[in-house]
Amino acid sequence: MKAVFLDKDGTLVDAPPYNLEPGHVHLVSGAGAALRLLARLGYRFFVVANQSGIAHGCFGEEAMAPMAKRLAELLLGEQLRLEGFYYCPHHPLGTVGAYARSCACRKPAPGMLLKAAAEHAIDLRASWMIGDILHDVEAGNRAGCRTLLIDNGNETEWRLGPRRVPTRMAPDLYAAAVLIAGHDEARGAAH
């Protein structure tokens, strides 16, 4: 199976970080068309999201199930299926003891992608990580995926390094899907 791993806030949805109200979560413009294009190419969809609000005491882990349900409903409304929702509740500077630590799942670490790959038999080399900051890119590169940075202004640090260079860049999710489709077509022609 090949997958598209999607960062949540700023990539898949417009919702501000730490939003606890699933009803306020909406797909970014063009997301439905973008993901339908990728679904026709055989990609399955997984959300991989840092949720440091848990470690900082802004909300509890119980808030994640309604959020996952909302995302699944939004995709279902676009005739799409969300295969998995993975989140990291940790942050090394958190205030909630159980979550205040470094871990292997918080992006830029690849833990969430590796876990999804193991649980769903995903071919990481045939998959993509799409996100709006370089931590997303690094996580995807470290997992062995191709990566796409949505350059929408959310990356503010621009700390570059060998694992922080995306395969491609796009201004939005629809343009990202078109680039991935073109990349797949070019690879298919080469084989």
N, C-alpha and C. Protein backbone atom coordinates (compact mmCIF):
# COMPACT_ATOMS: atom_id res chain seq x y z
N MET A 1 0.83 -1.18 0.00
CA MET A 1 0.00 0.00 0.00
C MET A 1 0.88 1.25 0.00
N LYS A 2 0.46 2.24 -0.77
CA LYS A 2 1.16 3.52 -0.72
C LYS A 2 0.25 4.54 -0.05
N ALA A 3 0.87 5.46 0.67
CA ALA A 3 0.10 6.39 1.50
C ALA A 3 0.52 7.82 1.27
N VAL A 4 -0.39 8.72 1.62
CA VAL A 4 -0.06 10.13 1.79
C VAL A 4 -0.29 10.42 3.27
N PHE A 5 0.79 10.80 3.93
CA PHE A 5 0.72 11.23 5.32
C PHE A 5 0.51 12.74 5.31
N LEU A 6 -0.49 13.19 6.03
CA LEU A 6 -0.85 14.60 6.04
C LEU A 6 -0.71 15.19 7.43
N ASP A 7 0.01 16.29 7.53
CA ASP A 7 -0.03 17.08 8.74
C ASP A 7 -1.45 17.62 8.86
N LYS A 8 -1.91 17.87 10.07
CA LYS A 8 -3.29 18.32 10.27
C LYS A 8 -3.42 19.84 10.11
N ASP A 9 -3.00 20.59 11.11
CA ASP A 9 -3.22 22.04 11.13
C ASP A 9 -2.35 22.75 10.10
N GLY A 10 -3.00 23.52 9.23
CA GLY A 10 -2.28 24.28 8.22
C GLY A 10 -2.03 23.54 6.93
N THR A 11 -2.22 22.23 6.95
CA THR A 11 -2.02 21.42 5.74
C THR A 11 -3.35 20.84 5.27
N LEU A 12 -4.00 20.08 6.14
CA LEU A 12 -5.29 19.46 5.81
C LEU A 12 -6.46 20.34 6.23
N VAL A 13 -6.34 20.97 7.38
CA VAL A 13 -7.45 21.78 7.90
C VAL A 13 -6.99 23.19 8.23
N ASP A 14 -7.96 24.09 8.21
CA ASP A 14 -7.71 25.50 8.52
C ASP A 14 -7.74 25.79 10.02
N ALA A 15 -8.17 24.83 10.80
CA ALA A 15 -8.38 25.07 12.24
C ALA A 15 -7.11 25.57 12.90
N PRO A 16 -7.26 26.54 13.80
CA PRO A 16 -6.08 27.00 14.53
C PRO A 16 -5.57 25.91 15.47
N PRO A 17 -4.28 25.89 15.77
CA PRO A 17 -3.76 24.91 16.72
C PRO A 17 -4.48 25.04 18.06
N TYR A 18 -4.54 23.96 18.77
CA TYR A 18 -5.18 23.86 20.09
C TYR A 18 -6.69 24.03 20.03
N ASN A 19 -7.29 23.95 18.84
CA ASN A 19 -8.73 24.00 18.72
C ASN A 19 -9.31 22.72 19.30
N LEU A 20 -10.25 22.84 20.23
CA LEU A 20 -10.88 21.68 20.86
C LEU A 20 -12.28 21.42 20.32
N GLU A 21 -12.77 22.28 19.46
CA GLU A 21 -14.14 22.15 18.97
C GLU A 21 -14.12 21.54 17.56
N PRO A 22 -14.43 20.24 17.45
CA PRO A 22 -14.40 19.60 16.12
C PRO A 22 -15.28 20.30 15.09
N GLY A 23 -16.38 20.91 15.52
CA GLY A 23 -17.25 21.61 14.59
C GLY A 23 -16.60 22.81 13.93
N HIS A 24 -15.52 23.30 14.51
CA HIS A 24 -14.81 24.44 13.94
C HIS A 24 -13.70 24.02 12.99
N VAL A 25 -13.57 22.72 12.77
CA VAL A 25 -12.52 22.20 11.90
C VAL A 25 -13.09 22.06 10.49
N HIS A 26 -12.38 22.66 9.51
CA HIS A 26 -12.81 22.59 8.11
C HIS A 26 -11.60 22.29 7.24
N LEU A 27 -11.83 21.54 6.18
CA LEU A 27 -10.75 21.24 5.24
C LEU A 27 -10.26 22.52 4.58
N VAL A 28 -8.98 22.55 4.26
CA VAL A 28 -8.45 23.68 3.51
C VAL A 28 -9.09 23.71 2.13
N SER A 29 -9.12 24.85 1.53
CA SER A 29 -9.68 25.01 0.19
C SER A 29 -8.99 24.06 -0.79
N GLY A 30 -9.79 23.35 -1.56
CA GLY A 30 -9.25 22.44 -2.57
C GLY A 30 -8.85 21.08 -2.06
N ALA A 31 -9.01 20.82 -0.75
CA ALA A 31 -8.56 19.55 -0.19
C ALA A 31 -9.31 18.36 -0.78
N GLY A 32 -10.62 18.49 -0.93
CA GLY A 32 -11.40 17.37 -1.47
C GLY A 32 -10.92 16.98 -2.86
N ALA A 33 -10.81 17.94 -3.74
CA ALA A 33 -10.36 17.65 -5.11
C ALA A 33 -8.94 17.10 -5.11
N ALA A 34 -8.08 17.66 -4.26
CA ALA A 34 -6.69 17.20 -4.19
C ALA A 34 -6.62 15.74 -3.76
N LEU A 35 -7.33 15.41 -2.70
CA LEU A 35 -7.26 14.04 -2.19
C LEU A 35 -7.97 13.04 -3.09
N ARG A 36 -9.03 13.48 -3.77
CA ARG A 36 -9.67 12.57 -4.74
C ARG A 36 -8.71 12.24 -5.88
N LEU A 37 -7.93 13.22 -6.34
CA LEU A 37 -6.92 12.98 -7.37
C LEU A 37 -5.92 11.94 -6.87
N LEU A 38 -5.45 12.11 -5.65
CA LEU A 38 -4.47 11.17 -5.10
C LEU A 38 -5.08 9.80 -4.85
N ALA A 39 -6.35 9.75 -4.46
CA ALA A 39 -7.03 8.46 -4.25
C ALA A 39 -7.12 7.68 -5.57
N ARG A 40 -7.39 8.40 -6.67
CA ARG A 40 -7.45 7.73 -7.98
C ARG A 40 -6.10 7.13 -8.37
N LEU A 41 -5.02 7.67 -7.79
CA LEU A 41 -3.68 7.13 -8.05
C LEU A 41 -3.32 6.01 -7.08
N GLY A 42 -4.26 5.66 -6.22
CA GLY A 42 -4.05 4.53 -5.32
C GLY A 42 -3.50 4.87 -3.94
N TYR A 43 -3.45 6.13 -3.59
CA TYR A 43 -2.94 6.52 -2.27
C TYR A 43 -4.02 6.38 -1.21
N ARG A 44 -3.59 6.00 -0.01
CA ARG A 44 -4.45 5.97 1.17
C ARG A 44 -4.00 7.11 2.08
N PHE A 45 -4.91 7.58 2.94
CA PHE A 45 -4.64 8.81 3.69
C PHE A 45 -4.54 8.58 5.20
N PHE A 46 -3.49 9.18 5.76
CA PHE A 46 -3.22 9.10 7.19
C PHE A 46 -2.85 10.49 7.69
N VAL A 47 -3.43 10.88 8.81
CA VAL A 47 -3.06 12.13 9.46
C VAL A 47 -2.00 11.81 10.51
N VAL A 48 -0.93 12.60 10.52
CA VAL A 48 0.13 12.48 11.53
C VAL A 48 0.35 13.88 12.10
N ALA A 49 -0.01 14.06 13.38
CA ALA A 49 -0.06 15.41 13.95
C ALA A 49 0.61 15.49 15.30
N ASN A 50 1.47 16.48 15.46
CA ASN A 50 1.98 16.82 16.79
C ASN A 50 0.84 17.50 17.54
N GLN A 51 0.58 17.05 18.75
CA GLN A 51 -0.48 17.64 19.57
C GLN A 51 0.09 18.02 20.93
N SER A 52 1.02 18.97 20.91
CA SER A 52 1.72 19.37 22.13
C SER A 52 0.80 20.05 23.13
N GLY A 53 -0.39 20.44 22.73
CA GLY A 53 -1.36 21.00 23.67
C GLY A 53 -1.66 20.04 24.80
N ILE A 54 -1.54 18.74 24.55
CA ILE A 54 -1.74 17.74 25.60
C ILE A 54 -0.63 17.86 26.63
N ALA A 55 0.61 17.90 26.18
CA ALA A 55 1.76 18.03 27.09
C ALA A 55 1.75 19.35 27.84
N HIS A 56 1.20 20.37 27.23
CA HIS A 56 1.16 21.69 27.87
C HIS A 56 -0.09 21.90 28.73
N GLY A 57 -0.95 20.89 28.81
CA GLY A 57 -2.13 20.98 29.66
C GLY A 57 -3.27 21.79 29.07
N CYS A 58 -3.22 22.09 27.78
CA CYS A 58 -4.30 22.86 27.14
C CYS A 58 -5.56 22.01 26.95
N PHE A 59 -5.39 20.71 26.77
CA PHE A 59 -6.50 19.77 26.63
C PHE A 59 -5.97 18.37 26.90
N GLY A 60 -6.89 17.46 27.12
CA GLY A 60 -6.51 16.08 27.43
C GLY A 60 -6.51 15.20 26.20
N GLU A 61 -5.95 14.03 26.35
CA GLU A 61 -5.87 13.09 25.24
C GLU A 61 -7.26 12.66 24.76
N GLU A 62 -8.26 12.75 25.64
CA GLU A 62 -9.62 12.38 25.25
C GLU A 62 -10.18 13.28 24.15
N ALA A 63 -9.57 14.42 23.91
CA ALA A 63 -10.01 15.32 22.83
C ALA A 63 -9.64 14.79 21.45
N MET A 64 -8.75 13.82 21.38
CA MET A 64 -8.27 13.33 20.08
C MET A 64 -9.29 12.46 19.36
N ALA A 65 -10.06 11.65 20.08
CA ALA A 65 -11.04 10.78 19.42
C ALA A 65 -12.11 11.59 18.68
N PRO A 66 -12.70 12.63 19.28
CA PRO A 66 -13.66 13.45 18.52
C PRO A 66 -13.01 14.16 17.32
N MET A 67 -11.74 14.54 17.45
CA MET A 67 -11.04 15.20 16.34
C MET A 67 -10.84 14.21 15.19
N ALA A 68 -10.41 12.99 15.52
CA ALA A 68 -10.23 11.96 14.50
C ALA A 68 -11.56 11.66 13.80
N LYS A 69 -12.63 11.61 14.59
CA LYS A 69 -13.96 11.34 14.02
C LYS A 69 -14.36 12.46 13.07
N ARG A 70 -14.12 13.70 13.47
CA ARG A 70 -14.47 14.85 12.62
C ARG A 70 -13.70 14.81 11.30
N LEU A 71 -12.39 14.52 11.37
CA LEU A 71 -11.60 14.45 10.14
C LEU A 71 -12.11 13.33 9.24
N ALA A 72 -12.44 12.19 9.82
CA ALA A 72 -12.98 11.09 9.01
C ALA A 72 -14.30 11.49 8.35
N GLU A 73 -15.15 12.22 9.09
CA GLU A 73 -16.42 12.68 8.53
C GLU A 73 -16.21 13.68 7.39
N LEU A 74 -15.26 14.60 7.58
CA LEU A 74 -14.98 15.57 6.53
C LEU A 74 -14.51 14.88 5.25
N LEU A 75 -13.64 13.89 5.39
CA LEU A 75 -13.17 13.17 4.21
C LEU A 75 -14.28 12.33 3.60
N LEU A 76 -15.10 11.70 4.44
CA LEU A 76 -16.22 10.92 3.93
C LEU A 76 -17.17 11.81 3.11
N GLY A 77 -17.35 13.04 3.55
CA GLY A 77 -18.16 14.00 2.80
C GLY A 77 -17.59 14.31 1.43
N GLU A 78 -16.32 14.02 1.24
CA GLU A 78 -15.66 14.21 -0.07
C GLU A 78 -15.47 12.88 -0.80
N GLN A 79 -16.20 11.85 -0.34
CA GLN A 79 -16.10 10.49 -0.89
C GLN A 79 -14.69 9.91 -0.73
N LEU A 80 -14.09 10.18 0.42
CA LEU A 80 -12.74 9.71 0.72
C LEU A 80 -12.74 9.00 2.06
N ARG A 81 -11.69 8.24 2.30
CA ARG A 81 -11.58 7.51 3.56
C ARG A 81 -10.27 7.87 4.26
N LEU A 82 -10.38 8.20 5.54
CA LEU A 82 -9.21 8.39 6.38
C LEU A 82 -8.85 7.04 6.96
N GLU A 83 -7.67 6.54 6.61
CA GLU A 83 -7.24 5.21 7.05
C GLU A 83 -6.70 5.21 8.47
N GLY A 84 -6.15 6.34 8.91
CA GLY A 84 -5.59 6.37 10.25
C GLY A 84 -5.31 7.78 10.71
N PHE A 85 -5.38 7.96 12.03
CA PHE A 85 -5.12 9.24 12.68
C PHE A 85 -4.09 8.98 13.77
N TYR A 86 -2.90 9.50 13.59
CA TYR A 86 -1.82 9.31 14.55
C TYR A 86 -1.43 10.67 15.12
N TYR A 87 -1.19 10.71 16.41
CA TYR A 87 -0.81 11.98 17.03
C TYR A 87 0.25 11.73 18.09
N CYS A 88 1.05 12.75 18.32
CA CYS A 88 2.05 12.73 19.37
C CYS A 88 1.62 13.70 20.46
N PRO A 89 1.41 13.22 21.70
CA PRO A 89 0.99 14.09 22.79
C PRO A 89 2.15 14.72 23.56
N HIS A 90 3.38 14.43 23.16
CA HIS A 90 4.55 14.82 23.94
C HIS A 90 5.14 16.17 23.56
N HIS A 91 5.86 16.74 24.51
CA HIS A 91 6.71 17.90 24.24
C HIS A 91 7.73 17.97 25.37
N PRO A 92 9.02 18.11 25.03
CA PRO A 92 10.04 18.11 26.09
C PRO A 92 9.87 19.23 27.12
N LEU A 93 9.19 20.31 26.75
CA LEU A 93 8.98 21.43 27.68
C LEU A 93 7.55 21.45 28.22
N GLY A 94 6.85 20.33 28.11
CA GLY A 94 5.47 20.25 28.58
C GLY A 94 5.37 20.43 30.08
N THR A 95 4.14 20.68 30.53
CA THR A 95 3.88 20.87 31.96
C THR A 95 3.14 19.69 32.58
N VAL A 96 2.67 18.76 31.77
CA VAL A 96 1.98 17.57 32.26
C VAL A 96 3.00 16.44 32.29
N GLY A 97 3.33 15.99 33.49
CA GLY A 97 4.44 15.06 33.71
C GLY A 97 4.52 13.88 32.76
N ALA A 98 3.42 13.18 32.54
CA ALA A 98 3.45 11.97 31.71
C ALA A 98 3.81 12.27 30.25
N TYR A 99 3.59 13.49 29.83
CA TYR A 99 3.81 13.86 28.43
C TYR A 99 5.00 14.79 28.23
N ALA A 100 5.60 15.25 29.31
CA ALA A 100 6.71 16.21 29.24
C ALA A 100 8.02 15.47 29.04
N ARG A 101 8.25 15.06 27.80
CA ARG A 101 9.47 14.31 27.51
C ARG A 101 9.75 14.32 26.01
N SER A 102 10.99 13.98 25.70
CA SER A 102 11.36 13.74 24.31
C SER A 102 10.84 12.36 23.94
N CYS A 103 10.61 12.15 22.66
CA CYS A 103 10.05 10.87 22.22
C CYS A 103 10.48 10.59 20.78
N ALA A 104 10.09 9.45 20.28
CA ALA A 104 10.40 9.07 18.90
C ALA A 104 9.24 9.36 17.95
N CYS A 105 8.13 9.89 18.51
CA CYS A 105 6.98 10.13 17.65
C CYS A 105 6.79 11.59 17.26
N ARG A 106 7.30 12.51 18.05
CA ARG A 106 7.09 13.94 17.75
C ARG A 106 7.90 14.34 16.53
N LYS A 107 7.20 14.85 15.51
CA LYS A 107 7.91 15.33 14.33
C LYS A 107 8.86 16.44 14.75
N PRO A 108 10.10 16.42 14.32
CA PRO A 108 10.64 15.82 13.11
C PRO A 108 11.05 14.35 13.21
N ALA A 109 10.84 13.69 14.34
CA ALA A 109 11.10 12.25 14.42
C ALA A 109 10.07 11.52 13.55
N PRO A 110 10.43 10.36 13.03
CA PRO A 110 9.55 9.65 12.10
C PRO A 110 8.61 8.64 12.74
N GLY A 111 8.51 8.62 14.07
CA GLY A 111 7.79 7.56 14.77
C GLY A 111 6.36 7.32 14.33
N MET A 112 5.58 8.37 14.13
CA MET A 112 4.18 8.18 13.73
C MET A 112 4.08 7.53 12.36
N LEU A 113 4.94 7.92 11.44
CA LEU A 113 4.91 7.35 10.10
C LEU A 113 5.35 5.88 10.14
N LEU A 114 6.37 5.59 10.93
CA LEU A 114 6.86 4.21 11.03
C LEU A 114 5.80 3.31 11.67
N LYS A 115 5.10 3.83 12.68
CA LYS A 115 4.04 3.05 13.32
C LYS A 115 2.91 2.76 12.34
N ALA A 116 2.48 3.79 11.60
CA ALA A 116 1.42 3.60 10.61
C ALA A 116 1.85 2.60 9.55
N ALA A 117 3.10 2.70 9.11
CA ALA A 117 3.61 1.77 8.08
C ALA A 117 3.58 0.34 8.59
N ALA A 118 3.98 0.14 9.84
CA ALA A 118 3.99 -1.22 10.41
C ALA A 118 2.57 -1.75 10.58
N GLU A 119 1.65 -0.90 10.99
CA GLU A 119 0.27 -1.35 11.25
C GLU A 119 -0.55 -1.54 9.99
N HIS A 120 -0.16 -0.89 8.89
CA HIS A 120 -0.97 -0.93 7.67
C HIS A 120 -0.22 -1.45 6.44
N ALA A 121 0.96 -2.01 6.64
CA ALA A 121 1.76 -2.55 5.53
C ALA A 121 1.96 -1.51 4.42
N ILE A 122 2.41 -0.33 4.83
CA ILE A 122 2.63 0.78 3.90
C ILE A 122 4.05 0.72 3.36
N ASP A 123 4.19 0.88 2.05
CA ASP A 123 5.49 0.99 1.40
C ASP A 123 5.91 2.46 1.52
N LEU A 124 6.81 2.74 2.44
CA LEU A 124 7.20 4.13 2.69
C LEU A 124 7.90 4.75 1.48
N ARG A 125 8.65 3.96 0.73
CA ARG A 125 9.34 4.52 -0.44
C ARG A 125 8.38 4.96 -1.53
N ALA A 126 7.18 4.39 -1.53
CA ALA A 126 6.16 4.76 -2.53
C ALA A 126 5.19 5.81 -1.98
N SER A 127 5.45 6.29 -0.77
CA SER A 127 4.54 7.19 -0.07
C SER A 127 5.08 8.61 0.00
N TRP A 128 4.21 9.52 0.41
CA TRP A 128 4.54 10.95 0.54
C TRP A 128 4.14 11.46 1.91
N MET A 129 4.92 12.38 2.43
CA MET A 129 4.57 13.16 3.62
C MET A 129 4.35 14.58 3.15
N ILE A 130 3.15 15.13 3.43
CA ILE A 130 2.82 16.50 3.06
C ILE A 130 2.62 17.30 4.35
N GLY A 131 3.34 18.41 4.45
CA GLY A 131 3.19 19.26 5.62
C GLY A 131 3.54 20.69 5.30
N ASP A 132 3.29 21.56 6.27
CA ASP A 132 3.49 22.99 6.05
C ASP A 132 4.70 23.55 6.79
N ILE A 133 5.48 22.68 7.45
CA ILE A 133 6.72 23.13 8.07
C ILE A 133 7.81 22.09 7.82
N LEU A 134 9.05 22.49 8.02
CA LEU A 134 10.17 21.60 7.73
C LEU A 134 10.28 20.44 8.70
N HIS A 135 9.68 20.52 9.88
CA HIS A 135 9.62 19.35 10.77
C HIS A 135 8.86 18.21 10.08
N ASP A 136 7.79 18.55 9.34
CA ASP A 136 7.03 17.54 8.59
C ASP A 136 7.92 16.91 7.52
N VAL A 137 8.64 17.75 6.81
CA VAL A 137 9.55 17.28 5.76
C VAL A 137 10.61 16.35 6.35
N GLU A 138 11.22 16.77 7.45
CA GLU A 138 12.26 15.94 8.06
C GLU A 138 11.70 14.60 8.52
N ALA A 139 10.51 14.60 9.12
CA ALA A 139 9.90 13.34 9.55
C ALA A 139 9.70 12.40 8.36
N GLY A 140 9.17 12.94 7.27
CA GLY A 140 8.97 12.13 6.08
C GLY A 140 10.26 11.61 5.49
N ASN A 141 11.26 12.48 5.40
CA ASN A 141 12.55 12.05 4.86
C ASN A 141 13.19 10.98 5.74
N ARG A 142 13.11 11.14 7.05
CA ARG A 142 13.69 10.16 7.97
C ARG A 142 12.96 8.82 7.90
N ALA A 143 11.67 8.85 7.57
CA ALA A 143 10.90 7.61 7.43
C ALA A 143 11.14 6.93 6.08
N GLY A 144 11.74 7.66 5.14
CA GLY A 144 11.99 7.09 3.82
C GLY A 144 10.96 7.45 2.78
N CYS A 145 10.10 8.41 3.08
CA CYS A 145 9.08 8.87 2.14
C CYS A 145 9.65 9.96 1.23
N ARG A 146 8.91 10.23 0.18
CA ARG A 146 9.12 11.47 -0.56
C ARG A 146 8.35 12.54 0.21
N THR A 147 8.76 13.78 0.06
CA THR A 147 8.16 14.83 0.89
C THR A 147 7.74 16.03 0.06
N LEU A 148 6.70 16.70 0.55
CA LEU A 148 6.21 17.88 -0.13
C LEU A 148 5.88 18.94 0.92
N LEU A 149 6.50 20.09 0.77
CA LEU A 149 6.26 21.21 1.67
C LEU A 149 5.22 22.14 1.07
N ILE A 150 4.14 22.36 1.81
CA ILE A 150 3.16 23.38 1.44
C ILE A 150 3.73 24.71 1.94
N ASP A 151 4.16 25.53 1.02
CA ASP A 151 4.77 26.81 1.38
C ASP A 151 3.69 27.88 1.49
N ASN A 152 2.98 27.85 2.64
CA ASN A 152 1.87 28.76 2.85
C ASN A 152 2.16 29.81 3.92
N GLY A 153 3.42 29.94 4.29
CA GLY A 153 3.80 30.94 5.28
C GLY A 153 3.87 30.43 6.70
N ASN A 154 3.55 29.17 6.95
CA ASN A 154 3.58 28.64 8.31
C ASN A 154 4.97 28.29 8.79
N GLU A 155 5.89 28.01 7.87
CA GLU A 155 7.29 27.75 8.28
C GLU A 155 7.93 29.10 8.55
N THR A 156 8.42 29.25 9.77
CA THR A 156 9.01 30.54 10.15
C THR A 156 10.50 30.45 10.46
N GLU A 157 11.01 29.24 10.72
CA GLU A 157 12.42 29.10 11.11
C GLU A 157 13.35 28.90 9.91
N TRP A 158 12.94 28.12 8.95
CA TRP A 158 13.74 27.80 7.77
C TRP A 158 15.14 27.29 8.13
N ARG A 159 15.21 26.46 9.19
CA ARG A 159 16.47 25.81 9.53
C ARG A 159 16.66 24.64 8.56
N LEU A 160 17.53 24.84 7.59
CA LEU A 160 17.73 23.82 6.57
C LEU A 160 18.80 22.83 7.01
N GLY A 161 18.74 21.66 6.43
CA GLY A 161 19.70 20.60 6.68
C GLY A 161 19.41 19.49 5.69
N PRO A 162 20.25 18.48 5.64
CA PRO A 162 20.09 17.44 4.62
C PRO A 162 18.75 16.71 4.68
N ARG A 163 18.17 16.56 5.86
CA ARG A 163 16.89 15.87 5.99
C ARG A 163 15.70 16.82 5.91
N ARG A 164 15.97 18.10 5.75
CA ARG A 164 14.90 19.10 5.76
C ARG A 164 14.67 19.72 4.38
N VAL A 165 15.12 19.03 3.35
CA VAL A 165 14.91 19.49 1.98
C VAL A 165 13.78 18.66 1.37
N PRO A 166 12.67 19.29 1.00
CA PRO A 166 11.55 18.53 0.44
C PRO A 166 11.83 18.05 -0.98
N THR A 167 11.17 16.96 -1.34
CA THR A 167 11.22 16.47 -2.72
C THR A 167 10.64 17.52 -3.65
N ARG A 168 9.53 18.12 -3.23
CA ARG A 168 8.85 19.17 -4.00
C ARG A 168 8.26 20.20 -3.04
N MET A 169 7.87 21.36 -3.59
CA MET A 169 7.18 22.41 -2.83
C MET A 169 5.97 22.87 -3.64
N ALA A 170 4.91 23.26 -2.94
CA ALA A 170 3.70 23.73 -3.59
C ALA A 170 3.05 24.80 -2.72
N PRO A 171 2.24 25.67 -3.32
CA PRO A 171 1.60 26.72 -2.54
C PRO A 171 0.38 26.25 -1.74
N ASP A 172 -0.22 25.12 -2.14
CA ASP A 172 -1.42 24.63 -1.45
C ASP A 172 -1.57 23.13 -1.69
N LEU A 173 -2.57 22.54 -1.05
CA LEU A 173 -2.74 21.08 -1.12
C LEU A 173 -3.13 20.61 -2.52
N TYR A 174 -3.94 21.39 -3.23
CA TYR A 174 -4.30 20.96 -4.59
C TYR A 174 -3.08 20.97 -5.50
N ALA A 175 -2.28 22.02 -5.43
CA ALA A 175 -1.06 22.06 -6.25
C ALA A 175 -0.12 20.92 -5.86
N ALA A 176 -0.09 20.57 -4.58
CA ALA A 176 0.73 19.44 -4.13
C ALA A 176 0.27 18.14 -4.79
N ALA A 177 -1.04 17.93 -4.84
CA ALA A 177 -1.58 16.71 -5.46
C ALA A 177 -1.23 16.64 -6.94
N VAL A 178 -1.31 17.77 -7.62
CA VAL A 178 -0.96 17.81 -9.04
C VAL A 178 0.52 17.47 -9.23
N LEU A 179 1.38 18.01 -8.36
CA LEU A 179 2.82 17.69 -8.44
C LEU A 179 3.08 16.21 -8.19
N ILE A 180 2.40 15.64 -7.21
CA ILE A 180 2.58 14.21 -6.92
C ILE A 180 2.10 13.38 -8.11
N ALA A 181 0.97 13.75 -8.69
CA ALA A 181 0.47 13.02 -9.87
C ALA A 181 1.48 13.09 -11.01
N GLY A 182 2.06 14.27 -11.24
CA GLY A 182 3.07 14.42 -12.28
C GLY A 182 4.32 13.63 -11.97
N HIS A 183 4.72 13.62 -10.70
CA HIS A 183 5.90 12.85 -10.28
C HIS A 183 5.66 11.36 -10.52
N ASP A 184 4.47 10.87 -10.17
CA ASP A 184 4.16 9.46 -10.37
C ASP A 184 4.13 9.12 -11.86
N GLU A 185 3.57 10.02 -12.66
CA GLU A 185 3.49 9.79 -14.11
C GLU A 185 4.89 9.73 -14.70
N ALA A 186 5.77 10.63 -14.29
CA ALA A 186 7.14 10.64 -14.79
C ALA A 186 7.89 9.38 -14.38
N ARG A 187 7.68 8.92 -13.15
CA ARG A 187 8.33 7.70 -12.69
C ARG A 187 7.82 6.48 -13.46
N GLY A 188 6.49 6.49 -13.71
CA GLY A 188 5.91 5.38 -14.48
C GLY A 188 6.46 5.33 -15.89
N ALA A 189 6.64 6.49 -16.50
CA ALA A 189 7.18 6.56 -17.86
C ALA A 189 8.64 6.07 -17.88
N ALA A 190 9.36 6.37 -16.80
CA ALA A 190 10.78 5.98 -16.74
C ALA A 190 10.93 4.47 -16.57
N HIS A 191 9.93 3.83 -15.96
CA HIS A 191 10.01 2.38 -15.77
C HIS A 191 9.41 1.68 -16.96
